[in-house]
Amino acid sequence: QGKQMPETRSFFAAGELDGRIIVAGGHDEHKNALRTAWEYDELKPMSEEQDECQGVVIGSEFWVVSGYRTDNQGQFEGSAEVMELETGQWVRVEEAWKASQCPRSCVGVGKERLFSWADCDSSIRVGVCSAPLGEWTFVSGSAHQGGPTGFFLVDQQTGKCNTIDEISQQFSGFIQSGCCVDI
């Protein structure tokens, strides 16, 4: 077990890169958006605090996609902040995401670019959760609020979305978040 995170945070971006866990953005117990990022020890702050952001790893970079500042509750930005771990610097990328669209669990990565899972299949629009599995990505979601959850395997090379038809009822509910750990 690693050491404890030094502050409470919710709705943060998280990812693994070269065996290191990175946590960035989100909000504190008072709903204040955060700009801090941690890799067990705090990294340099991002240029702006980001609440309800989404973290993804692209190549050798950790991306914190969209989110909003405390004074702009719910107004998602189209920018991203990218941590280049080799230099330890954050780089801001404008127009990386669709402004006003919540990135939480909707961000996909294909051919080293960001996209929304809804662009892959119209059945993946609400309550989306994804986890990379080698050359595939497991994705779940619904076409609309309250709709049945669908399960998919997406080929990371081609972007082809394959429906998983046979799911046991005990595993067919809403998925809040997911990950894959290779042991």
N, C-alpha and C. Protein backbone atom coordinates (compact mmCIF):
# COMPACT_ATOMS: atom_id res chain seq x y z
N GLN A 1 0.85 -1.19 0.00
CA GLN A 1 0.00 0.00 0.00
C GLN A 1 0.89 1.24 0.00
N GLY A 2 0.57 2.19 -0.87
CA GLY A 2 1.31 3.46 -0.92
C GLY A 2 0.88 4.37 0.22
N LYS A 3 1.57 5.49 0.34
CA LYS A 3 1.20 6.42 1.41
C LYS A 3 -0.11 7.11 1.08
N GLN A 4 -0.77 7.63 2.12
CA GLN A 4 -2.07 8.27 1.98
C GLN A 4 -1.98 9.54 1.15
N MET A 5 -3.05 9.84 0.42
CA MET A 5 -3.14 11.12 -0.27
C MET A 5 -3.23 12.21 0.79
N PRO A 6 -2.57 13.33 0.61
CA PRO A 6 -2.52 14.36 1.65
C PRO A 6 -3.78 15.21 1.76
N GLU A 7 -4.71 15.08 0.84
CA GLU A 7 -5.94 15.87 0.91
C GLU A 7 -7.09 15.06 0.33
N THR A 8 -8.29 15.35 0.81
CA THR A 8 -9.49 14.69 0.31
C THR A 8 -9.87 15.31 -1.03
N ARG A 9 -10.23 14.47 -2.01
CA ARG A 9 -10.68 14.99 -3.30
C ARG A 9 -11.67 14.02 -3.92
N SER A 10 -12.60 14.59 -4.69
CA SER A 10 -13.61 13.80 -5.41
C SER A 10 -13.62 14.26 -6.87
N PHE A 11 -14.17 13.41 -7.76
CA PHE A 11 -14.30 13.74 -9.18
C PHE A 11 -12.98 14.18 -9.80
N PHE A 12 -11.92 13.45 -9.52
CA PHE A 12 -10.58 13.78 -10.02
C PHE A 12 -10.22 12.93 -11.23
N ALA A 13 -9.17 13.34 -11.92
CA ALA A 13 -8.61 12.57 -13.02
C ALA A 13 -7.52 11.67 -12.45
N ALA A 14 -7.41 10.43 -12.94
CA ALA A 14 -6.39 9.51 -12.46
C ALA A 14 -5.94 8.61 -13.60
N GLY A 15 -4.68 8.22 -13.54
CA GLY A 15 -4.15 7.31 -14.55
C GLY A 15 -2.84 6.73 -14.11
N GLU A 16 -2.38 5.73 -14.86
CA GLU A 16 -1.11 5.08 -14.60
C GLU A 16 -0.20 5.32 -15.79
N LEU A 17 1.05 5.66 -15.51
CA LEU A 17 2.01 5.90 -16.57
C LEU A 17 3.36 5.40 -16.10
N ASP A 18 3.92 4.44 -16.81
CA ASP A 18 5.22 3.87 -16.45
C ASP A 18 5.27 3.42 -14.99
N GLY A 19 4.20 2.78 -14.52
CA GLY A 19 4.17 2.25 -13.17
C GLY A 19 3.91 3.28 -12.09
N ARG A 20 3.62 4.50 -12.47
CA ARG A 20 3.36 5.57 -11.50
C ARG A 20 1.89 5.96 -11.58
N ILE A 21 1.26 6.19 -10.43
CA ILE A 21 -0.13 6.62 -10.37
C ILE A 21 -0.17 8.14 -10.26
N ILE A 22 -0.98 8.76 -11.11
CA ILE A 22 -1.12 10.22 -11.10
C ILE A 22 -2.58 10.55 -10.83
N VAL A 23 -2.81 11.47 -9.90
CA VAL A 23 -4.15 11.96 -9.56
C VAL A 23 -4.12 13.47 -9.71
N ALA A 24 -5.12 14.05 -10.41
CA ALA A 24 -5.11 15.50 -10.65
C ALA A 24 -6.52 16.07 -10.65
N GLY A 25 -6.63 17.34 -10.23
CA GLY A 25 -7.91 18.05 -10.29
C GLY A 25 -8.94 17.51 -9.33
N GLY A 26 -10.21 17.68 -9.67
CA GLY A 26 -11.32 17.27 -8.81
C GLY A 26 -11.73 18.40 -7.88
N HIS A 27 -12.43 18.05 -6.79
CA HIS A 27 -12.77 19.09 -5.81
C HIS A 27 -12.59 18.57 -4.39
N ASP A 28 -12.41 19.52 -3.45
CA ASP A 28 -12.20 19.16 -2.05
C ASP A 28 -13.53 18.96 -1.33
N GLU A 29 -13.47 18.77 0.00
CA GLU A 29 -14.69 18.51 0.76
C GLU A 29 -15.65 19.69 0.80
N HIS A 30 -15.19 20.88 0.37
CA HIS A 30 -16.04 22.07 0.32
C HIS A 30 -16.48 22.40 -1.11
N LYS A 31 -16.29 21.45 -2.05
CA LYS A 31 -16.65 21.60 -3.46
C LYS A 31 -15.83 22.67 -4.18
N ASN A 32 -14.61 22.95 -3.68
CA ASN A 32 -13.70 23.87 -4.36
C ASN A 32 -12.88 23.07 -5.36
N ALA A 33 -12.88 23.50 -6.63
CA ALA A 33 -12.09 22.81 -7.65
C ALA A 33 -10.61 22.92 -7.30
N LEU A 34 -9.87 21.86 -7.63
CA LEU A 34 -8.45 21.79 -7.29
C LEU A 34 -7.59 21.83 -8.55
N ARG A 35 -6.40 22.40 -8.42
CA ARG A 35 -5.46 22.37 -9.53
C ARG A 35 -4.22 21.55 -9.20
N THR A 36 -4.20 20.95 -8.01
CA THR A 36 -3.07 20.13 -7.61
C THR A 36 -3.11 18.77 -8.29
N ALA A 37 -1.94 18.19 -8.45
CA ALA A 37 -1.79 16.86 -9.02
C ALA A 37 -0.75 16.12 -8.18
N TRP A 38 -0.96 14.82 -8.00
CA TRP A 38 -0.07 14.04 -7.15
C TRP A 38 0.39 12.78 -7.85
N GLU A 39 1.63 12.45 -7.60
CA GLU A 39 2.22 11.18 -7.97
C GLU A 39 2.86 10.69 -6.68
N TYR A 40 2.04 10.40 -5.70
CA TYR A 40 2.43 10.14 -4.32
C TYR A 40 3.01 11.38 -3.70
N ASP A 41 3.85 12.10 -4.41
CA ASP A 41 4.32 13.42 -3.98
C ASP A 41 3.71 14.42 -4.96
N GLU A 42 3.43 15.61 -4.48
CA GLU A 42 2.75 16.60 -5.32
C GLU A 42 3.60 16.98 -6.52
N LEU A 43 2.96 17.03 -7.67
CA LEU A 43 3.59 17.54 -8.88
C LEU A 43 3.39 19.05 -8.92
N LYS A 44 3.98 19.69 -9.89
CA LYS A 44 3.75 21.12 -10.07
C LYS A 44 2.26 21.35 -10.32
N PRO A 45 1.70 22.47 -9.83
CA PRO A 45 0.27 22.73 -10.06
C PRO A 45 -0.02 22.97 -11.55
N MET A 46 -1.23 22.62 -11.94
CA MET A 46 -1.69 22.95 -13.29
C MET A 46 -1.92 24.45 -13.35
N SER A 47 -2.14 25.00 -14.53
CA SER A 47 -2.33 26.45 -14.66
C SER A 47 -3.65 26.90 -14.05
N GLU A 48 -4.67 26.02 -14.02
CA GLU A 48 -5.97 26.34 -13.43
C GLU A 48 -6.50 25.13 -12.69
N GLU A 49 -7.34 25.37 -11.67
CA GLU A 49 -8.00 24.26 -10.98
C GLU A 49 -9.03 23.64 -11.93
N GLN A 50 -9.22 22.33 -11.80
CA GLN A 50 -10.15 21.61 -12.68
C GLN A 50 -10.97 20.63 -11.86
N ASP A 51 -12.28 20.84 -11.81
CA ASP A 51 -13.20 19.94 -11.13
C ASP A 51 -13.93 19.11 -12.18
N GLU A 52 -14.24 17.88 -11.86
CA GLU A 52 -14.92 16.94 -12.76
C GLU A 52 -14.19 16.77 -14.09
N CYS A 53 -12.86 16.78 -14.03
CA CYS A 53 -12.03 16.55 -15.21
C CYS A 53 -11.87 15.04 -15.42
N GLN A 54 -11.26 14.67 -16.52
CA GLN A 54 -11.01 13.26 -16.81
C GLN A 54 -9.54 13.08 -17.14
N GLY A 55 -8.91 12.07 -16.58
CA GLY A 55 -7.51 11.80 -16.84
C GLY A 55 -7.34 10.65 -17.81
N VAL A 56 -6.44 10.82 -18.76
CA VAL A 56 -6.11 9.75 -19.70
C VAL A 56 -4.62 9.81 -20.00
N VAL A 57 -4.07 8.65 -20.30
CA VAL A 57 -2.66 8.56 -20.70
C VAL A 57 -2.62 8.39 -22.20
N ILE A 58 -1.84 9.25 -22.86
CA ILE A 58 -1.62 9.16 -24.31
C ILE A 58 -0.11 9.13 -24.52
N GLY A 59 0.38 7.99 -25.00
CA GLY A 59 1.82 7.85 -25.18
C GLY A 59 2.54 7.99 -23.85
N SER A 60 3.44 8.96 -23.75
CA SER A 60 4.19 9.19 -22.51
C SER A 60 3.69 10.43 -21.78
N GLU A 61 2.43 10.81 -22.02
CA GLU A 61 1.87 12.02 -21.40
C GLU A 61 0.62 11.67 -20.59
N PHE A 62 0.39 12.44 -19.52
CA PHE A 62 -0.83 12.33 -18.73
C PHE A 62 -1.67 13.56 -19.03
N TRP A 63 -2.89 13.34 -19.55
CA TRP A 63 -3.79 14.42 -19.94
C TRP A 63 -4.89 14.60 -18.90
N VAL A 64 -5.14 15.83 -18.48
CA VAL A 64 -6.27 16.19 -17.63
C VAL A 64 -7.23 16.95 -18.55
N VAL A 65 -8.33 16.30 -18.91
CA VAL A 65 -9.22 16.81 -19.96
C VAL A 65 -10.39 17.56 -19.35
N SER A 66 -10.60 18.78 -19.82
CA SER A 66 -11.75 19.62 -19.50
C SER A 66 -11.87 19.88 -18.01
N GLY A 67 -13.10 19.93 -17.51
CA GLY A 67 -13.35 20.31 -16.13
C GLY A 67 -13.73 21.78 -16.05
N TYR A 68 -13.86 22.28 -14.82
CA TYR A 68 -14.22 23.69 -14.63
C TYR A 68 -13.65 24.20 -13.32
N ARG A 69 -13.57 25.53 -13.22
CA ARG A 69 -13.09 26.18 -12.00
C ARG A 69 -14.24 26.31 -11.01
N THR A 70 -13.92 26.54 -9.74
CA THR A 70 -14.94 26.69 -8.70
C THR A 70 -15.94 27.77 -9.05
N ASP A 71 -15.46 28.90 -9.58
CA ASP A 71 -16.36 30.02 -9.89
C ASP A 71 -17.14 29.82 -11.19
N ASN A 72 -16.95 28.69 -11.87
CA ASN A 72 -17.68 28.37 -13.11
C ASN A 72 -18.32 26.99 -13.01
N GLN A 73 -18.98 26.70 -11.89
CA GLN A 73 -19.58 25.38 -11.65
C GLN A 73 -20.36 24.88 -12.87
N GLY A 74 -19.99 23.69 -13.33
CA GLY A 74 -20.72 23.04 -14.41
C GLY A 74 -20.45 23.56 -15.81
N GLN A 75 -19.59 24.58 -15.94
CA GLN A 75 -19.27 25.13 -17.26
C GLN A 75 -17.97 24.49 -17.76
N PHE A 76 -18.10 23.33 -18.37
CA PHE A 76 -16.94 22.56 -18.80
C PHE A 76 -16.18 23.29 -19.89
N GLU A 77 -14.86 23.28 -19.76
CA GLU A 77 -13.98 23.94 -20.72
C GLU A 77 -13.54 22.96 -21.80
N GLY A 78 -13.10 23.49 -22.91
CA GLY A 78 -12.62 22.66 -24.01
C GLY A 78 -11.13 22.39 -23.96
N SER A 79 -10.46 22.92 -22.96
CA SER A 79 -9.01 22.77 -22.88
C SER A 79 -8.60 21.51 -22.12
N ALA A 80 -7.33 21.20 -22.20
CA ALA A 80 -6.73 20.11 -21.42
C ALA A 80 -5.38 20.60 -20.92
N GLU A 81 -4.89 19.98 -19.87
CA GLU A 81 -3.53 20.23 -19.41
C GLU A 81 -2.78 18.91 -19.51
N VAL A 82 -1.58 18.95 -20.06
CA VAL A 82 -0.81 17.75 -20.33
C VAL A 82 0.47 17.78 -19.52
N MET A 83 0.70 16.73 -18.71
CA MET A 83 1.94 16.61 -17.95
C MET A 83 2.93 15.80 -18.78
N GLU A 84 4.03 16.44 -19.11
CA GLU A 84 5.12 15.74 -19.77
C GLU A 84 6.06 15.30 -18.66
N LEU A 85 5.99 14.01 -18.30
CA LEU A 85 6.72 13.54 -17.13
C LEU A 85 8.23 13.66 -17.26
N GLU A 86 8.74 13.58 -18.48
CA GLU A 86 10.18 13.70 -18.66
C GLU A 86 10.68 15.08 -18.27
N THR A 87 9.88 16.11 -18.53
CA THR A 87 10.29 17.48 -18.21
C THR A 87 9.67 17.98 -16.91
N GLY A 88 8.61 17.30 -16.44
CA GLY A 88 7.91 17.74 -15.23
C GLY A 88 7.10 19.00 -15.44
N GLN A 89 6.76 19.31 -16.68
CA GLN A 89 6.04 20.54 -17.01
C GLN A 89 4.62 20.24 -17.49
N TRP A 90 3.69 21.12 -17.11
CA TRP A 90 2.34 21.08 -17.64
C TRP A 90 2.29 21.95 -18.89
N VAL A 91 1.60 21.48 -19.91
CA VAL A 91 1.38 22.25 -21.13
C VAL A 91 -0.13 22.32 -21.35
N ARG A 92 -0.64 23.52 -21.57
CA ARG A 92 -2.08 23.70 -21.79
C ARG A 92 -2.38 23.51 -23.28
N VAL A 93 -3.42 22.74 -23.58
CA VAL A 93 -3.84 22.48 -24.96
C VAL A 93 -5.26 23.01 -25.11
N GLU A 94 -5.43 24.03 -25.93
CA GLU A 94 -6.76 24.60 -26.17
C GLU A 94 -7.52 23.74 -27.18
N GLU A 95 -8.84 23.77 -27.11
CA GLU A 95 -9.72 23.06 -28.04
C GLU A 95 -9.41 21.56 -28.13
N ALA A 96 -9.04 20.96 -26.99
CA ALA A 96 -8.76 19.52 -26.95
C ALA A 96 -10.04 18.71 -26.81
N TRP A 97 -11.12 19.34 -26.32
CA TRP A 97 -12.38 18.67 -26.02
C TRP A 97 -13.52 19.60 -26.41
N LYS A 98 -14.72 19.07 -26.47
CA LYS A 98 -15.89 19.87 -26.80
C LYS A 98 -16.28 20.70 -25.58
N ALA A 99 -16.18 22.02 -25.70
CA ALA A 99 -16.56 22.91 -24.59
C ALA A 99 -18.01 22.65 -24.23
N SER A 100 -18.32 22.71 -22.97
CA SER A 100 -19.64 22.50 -22.36
C SER A 100 -20.02 21.02 -22.23
N GLN A 101 -19.21 20.09 -22.75
CA GLN A 101 -19.51 18.66 -22.62
C GLN A 101 -18.70 18.07 -21.47
N CYS A 102 -19.38 17.43 -20.53
CA CYS A 102 -18.71 16.77 -19.40
C CYS A 102 -17.82 15.65 -19.93
N PRO A 103 -16.54 15.63 -19.54
CA PRO A 103 -15.65 14.59 -20.03
C PRO A 103 -15.67 13.32 -19.20
N ARG A 104 -16.30 13.34 -18.02
CA ARG A 104 -16.23 12.21 -17.09
C ARG A 104 -16.65 10.92 -17.77
N SER A 105 -15.71 10.03 -17.90
CA SER A 105 -15.90 8.69 -18.45
C SER A 105 -16.28 8.67 -19.93
N CYS A 106 -16.36 9.82 -20.59
CA CYS A 106 -16.72 9.86 -22.01
C CYS A 106 -15.50 9.95 -22.91
N VAL A 107 -14.34 10.24 -22.33
CA VAL A 107 -13.14 10.45 -23.13
C VAL A 107 -12.57 9.12 -23.58
N GLY A 108 -12.35 9.00 -24.88
CA GLY A 108 -11.66 7.86 -25.44
C GLY A 108 -10.39 8.35 -26.12
N VAL A 109 -9.46 7.44 -26.34
CA VAL A 109 -8.22 7.79 -27.02
C VAL A 109 -8.04 6.82 -28.17
N GLY A 110 -7.84 7.35 -29.36
CA GLY A 110 -7.60 6.52 -30.53
C GLY A 110 -6.62 7.22 -31.44
N LYS A 111 -5.63 6.49 -31.90
CA LYS A 111 -4.60 7.07 -32.76
C LYS A 111 -4.04 8.35 -32.14
N GLU A 112 -3.82 8.27 -30.81
CA GLU A 112 -3.24 9.36 -30.02
C GLU A 112 -4.02 10.67 -30.13
N ARG A 113 -5.35 10.57 -30.15
CA ARG A 113 -6.20 11.76 -30.10
C ARG A 113 -7.39 11.46 -29.20
N LEU A 114 -8.01 12.53 -28.69
CA LEU A 114 -9.18 12.40 -27.82
C LEU A 114 -10.45 12.32 -28.66
N PHE A 115 -11.43 11.54 -28.18
CA PHE A 115 -12.74 11.52 -28.80
C PHE A 115 -13.76 11.11 -27.75
N SER A 116 -15.03 11.30 -28.05
CA SER A 116 -16.12 10.89 -27.16
C SER A 116 -16.56 9.48 -27.57
N TRP A 117 -16.78 8.60 -26.57
CA TRP A 117 -17.24 7.25 -26.87
C TRP A 117 -18.55 7.27 -27.64
N ALA A 118 -19.38 8.30 -27.44
CA ALA A 118 -20.64 8.40 -28.17
C ALA A 118 -20.41 8.50 -29.68
N ASP A 119 -19.25 9.00 -30.09
CA ASP A 119 -18.92 9.07 -31.51
C ASP A 119 -18.63 7.69 -32.09
N CYS A 120 -18.29 6.74 -31.22
CA CYS A 120 -17.98 5.37 -31.63
C CYS A 120 -19.25 4.56 -31.88
N ASP A 121 -20.25 4.74 -31.00
CA ASP A 121 -21.51 4.00 -31.11
C ASP A 121 -22.60 4.78 -30.39
N SER A 122 -23.75 4.94 -31.01
CA SER A 122 -24.83 5.74 -30.42
C SER A 122 -25.40 5.11 -29.15
N SER A 123 -25.06 3.85 -28.89
CA SER A 123 -25.52 3.18 -27.67
C SER A 123 -24.67 3.54 -26.46
N ILE A 124 -23.62 4.34 -26.67
CA ILE A 124 -22.69 4.68 -25.58
C ILE A 124 -22.72 6.19 -25.37
N ARG A 125 -23.80 6.69 -24.78
CA ARG A 125 -23.94 8.13 -24.58
C ARG A 125 -24.05 8.54 -23.12
N VAL A 126 -24.62 7.70 -22.27
CA VAL A 126 -24.91 8.07 -20.88
C VAL A 126 -24.31 7.03 -19.94
N GLY A 127 -23.75 7.47 -18.82
CA GLY A 127 -23.20 6.55 -17.82
C GLY A 127 -22.08 5.71 -18.36
N VAL A 128 -21.20 6.32 -19.14
CA VAL A 128 -20.13 5.59 -19.81
C VAL A 128 -18.99 5.28 -18.85
N CYS A 129 -18.47 4.08 -18.96
CA CYS A 129 -17.29 3.65 -18.22
C CYS A 129 -16.40 2.88 -19.19
N SER A 130 -15.09 3.11 -19.12
CA SER A 130 -14.19 2.38 -20.01
C SER A 130 -12.93 1.99 -19.27
N ALA A 131 -12.31 0.91 -19.72
CA ALA A 131 -11.05 0.45 -19.16
C ALA A 131 -10.25 -0.22 -20.27
N PRO A 132 -9.00 0.21 -20.49
CA PRO A 132 -8.17 -0.41 -21.52
C PRO A 132 -7.78 -1.83 -21.11
N LEU A 133 -7.80 -2.74 -22.09
CA LEU A 133 -7.43 -4.15 -21.87
C LEU A 133 -6.47 -4.56 -22.98
N GLY A 134 -5.26 -4.11 -22.93
CA GLY A 134 -4.30 -4.43 -23.98
C GLY A 134 -4.66 -3.71 -25.26
N GLU A 135 -4.92 -4.49 -26.34
CA GLU A 135 -5.26 -3.90 -27.64
C GLU A 135 -6.74 -3.55 -27.75
N TRP A 136 -7.51 -3.83 -26.71
CA TRP A 136 -8.95 -3.57 -26.69
C TRP A 136 -9.28 -2.63 -25.55
N THR A 137 -10.45 -2.02 -25.61
CA THR A 137 -10.98 -1.23 -24.50
C THR A 137 -12.38 -1.74 -24.20
N PHE A 138 -12.62 -2.06 -22.93
CA PHE A 138 -13.95 -2.44 -22.48
C PHE A 138 -14.73 -1.16 -22.22
N VAL A 139 -15.93 -1.06 -22.77
CA VAL A 139 -16.76 0.14 -22.61
C VAL A 139 -18.18 -0.29 -22.25
N SER A 140 -18.78 0.40 -21.30
CA SER A 140 -20.19 0.18 -20.98
C SER A 140 -20.90 1.52 -20.99
N GLY A 141 -22.19 1.50 -21.25
CA GLY A 141 -22.96 2.74 -21.25
C GLY A 141 -24.35 2.50 -21.81
N SER A 142 -25.16 3.55 -21.77
CA SER A 142 -26.54 3.49 -22.25
C SER A 142 -26.75 4.51 -23.36
N ALA A 143 -27.76 4.27 -24.17
CA ALA A 143 -28.11 5.21 -25.24
C ALA A 143 -28.80 6.44 -24.67
N HIS A 144 -29.50 6.30 -23.53
CA HIS A 144 -30.22 7.42 -22.92
C HIS A 144 -30.34 7.18 -21.42
N GLN A 145 -30.64 8.24 -20.68
CA GLN A 145 -30.80 8.16 -19.23
C GLN A 145 -31.86 7.11 -18.88
N GLY A 146 -31.51 6.16 -18.00
CA GLY A 146 -32.44 5.12 -17.59
C GLY A 146 -32.52 3.94 -18.55
N GLY A 147 -31.81 4.03 -19.67
CA GLY A 147 -31.83 2.93 -20.65
C GLY A 147 -30.99 1.76 -20.18
N PRO A 148 -31.14 0.61 -20.84
CA PRO A 148 -30.34 -0.56 -20.46
C PRO A 148 -28.86 -0.32 -20.76
N THR A 149 -28.02 -0.86 -19.90
CA THR A 149 -26.58 -0.72 -20.08
C THR A 149 -26.09 -1.72 -21.12
N GLY A 150 -25.32 -1.23 -22.08
CA GLY A 150 -24.71 -2.08 -23.09
C GLY A 150 -23.24 -2.27 -22.77
N PHE A 151 -22.67 -3.37 -23.24
CA PHE A 151 -21.27 -3.68 -22.99
C PHE A 151 -20.58 -3.93 -24.33
N PHE A 152 -19.38 -3.38 -24.48
CA PHE A 152 -18.70 -3.38 -25.77
C PHE A 152 -17.20 -3.61 -25.59
N LEU A 153 -16.58 -4.19 -26.61
CA LEU A 153 -15.13 -4.23 -26.73
C LEU A 153 -14.78 -3.44 -27.97
N VAL A 154 -13.90 -2.45 -27.80
CA VAL A 154 -13.51 -1.59 -28.91
C VAL A 154 -12.06 -1.88 -29.26
N ASP A 155 -11.81 -2.17 -30.53
CA ASP A 155 -10.46 -2.40 -31.03
C ASP A 155 -9.74 -1.05 -31.07
N GLN A 156 -8.64 -0.93 -30.33
CA GLN A 156 -7.93 0.35 -30.26
C GLN A 156 -7.27 0.74 -31.57
N GLN A 157 -6.98 -0.22 -32.42
CA GLN A 157 -6.35 0.09 -33.70
C GLN A 157 -7.35 0.60 -34.73
N THR A 158 -8.51 -0.06 -34.81
CA THR A 158 -9.48 0.27 -35.85
C THR A 158 -10.63 1.13 -35.36
N GLY A 159 -10.88 1.15 -34.03
CA GLY A 159 -12.02 1.87 -33.48
C GLY A 159 -13.32 1.10 -33.63
N LYS A 160 -13.25 -0.14 -34.17
CA LYS A 160 -14.46 -0.95 -34.35
C LYS A 160 -15.02 -1.34 -32.99
N CYS A 161 -16.33 -1.14 -32.85
CA CYS A 161 -17.04 -1.39 -31.60
C CYS A 161 -17.80 -2.71 -31.71
N ASN A 162 -17.45 -3.68 -30.87
CA ASN A 162 -18.10 -4.99 -30.88
C ASN A 162 -18.98 -5.14 -29.65
N THR A 163 -20.26 -5.42 -29.85
CA THR A 163 -21.20 -5.59 -28.75
C THR A 163 -20.99 -6.94 -28.07
N ILE A 164 -20.99 -6.93 -26.74
CA ILE A 164 -20.96 -8.17 -25.96
C ILE A 164 -22.41 -8.49 -25.62
N ASP A 165 -22.95 -9.54 -26.23
CA ASP A 165 -24.37 -9.85 -26.09
C ASP A 165 -24.71 -10.64 -24.83
N GLU A 166 -23.87 -11.56 -24.45
CA GLU A 166 -24.19 -12.47 -23.36
C GLU A 166 -23.58 -11.97 -22.05
N ILE A 167 -24.37 -11.25 -21.26
CA ILE A 167 -23.92 -10.77 -19.95
C ILE A 167 -24.87 -11.32 -18.90
N SER A 168 -24.31 -11.98 -17.88
CA SER A 168 -25.13 -12.50 -16.79
C SER A 168 -25.84 -11.34 -16.09
N GLN A 169 -27.08 -11.55 -15.68
CA GLN A 169 -27.89 -10.52 -15.03
C GLN A 169 -27.17 -9.94 -13.81
N GLN A 170 -26.40 -10.75 -13.09
CA GLN A 170 -25.71 -10.26 -11.89
C GLN A 170 -24.59 -9.28 -12.22
N PHE A 171 -24.18 -9.19 -13.47
CA PHE A 171 -23.13 -8.26 -13.87
C PHE A 171 -23.64 -7.19 -14.82
N SER A 172 -24.94 -6.94 -14.85
CA SER A 172 -25.50 -6.08 -15.88
C SER A 172 -25.94 -4.70 -15.40
N GLY A 173 -25.56 -4.27 -14.23
CA GLY A 173 -25.97 -2.96 -13.73
C GLY A 173 -25.08 -1.83 -14.19
N PHE A 174 -25.38 -0.64 -13.68
CA PHE A 174 -24.62 0.56 -14.00
C PHE A 174 -23.22 0.47 -13.42
N ILE A 175 -22.22 0.86 -14.19
CA ILE A 175 -20.83 0.84 -13.74
C ILE A 175 -20.36 2.27 -13.54
N GLN A 176 -19.97 2.62 -12.33
CA GLN A 176 -19.53 3.98 -12.01
C GLN A 176 -18.11 4.24 -12.51
N SER A 177 -17.22 3.29 -12.30
CA SER A 177 -15.85 3.47 -12.74
C SER A 177 -15.18 2.12 -12.86
N GLY A 178 -14.11 2.04 -13.62
CA GLY A 178 -13.44 0.77 -13.82
C GLY A 178 -11.98 0.96 -14.17
N CYS A 179 -11.22 -0.11 -14.04
CA CYS A 179 -9.81 -0.08 -14.42
C CYS A 179 -9.37 -1.50 -14.71
N CYS A 180 -8.20 -1.64 -15.27
CA CYS A 180 -7.60 -2.93 -15.54
C CYS A 180 -6.20 -2.91 -14.94
N VAL A 181 -5.88 -3.92 -14.16
CA VAL A 181 -4.56 -4.01 -13.54
C VAL A 181 -3.91 -5.30 -14.02
N ASP A 182 -2.77 -5.20 -14.69
CA ASP A 182 -2.01 -6.38 -15.10
C ASP A 182 -1.14 -6.81 -13.93
N ILE A 183 -1.23 -8.10 -13.58
CA ILE A 183 -0.42 -8.63 -12.48
C ILE A 183 0.53 -9.67 -13.03
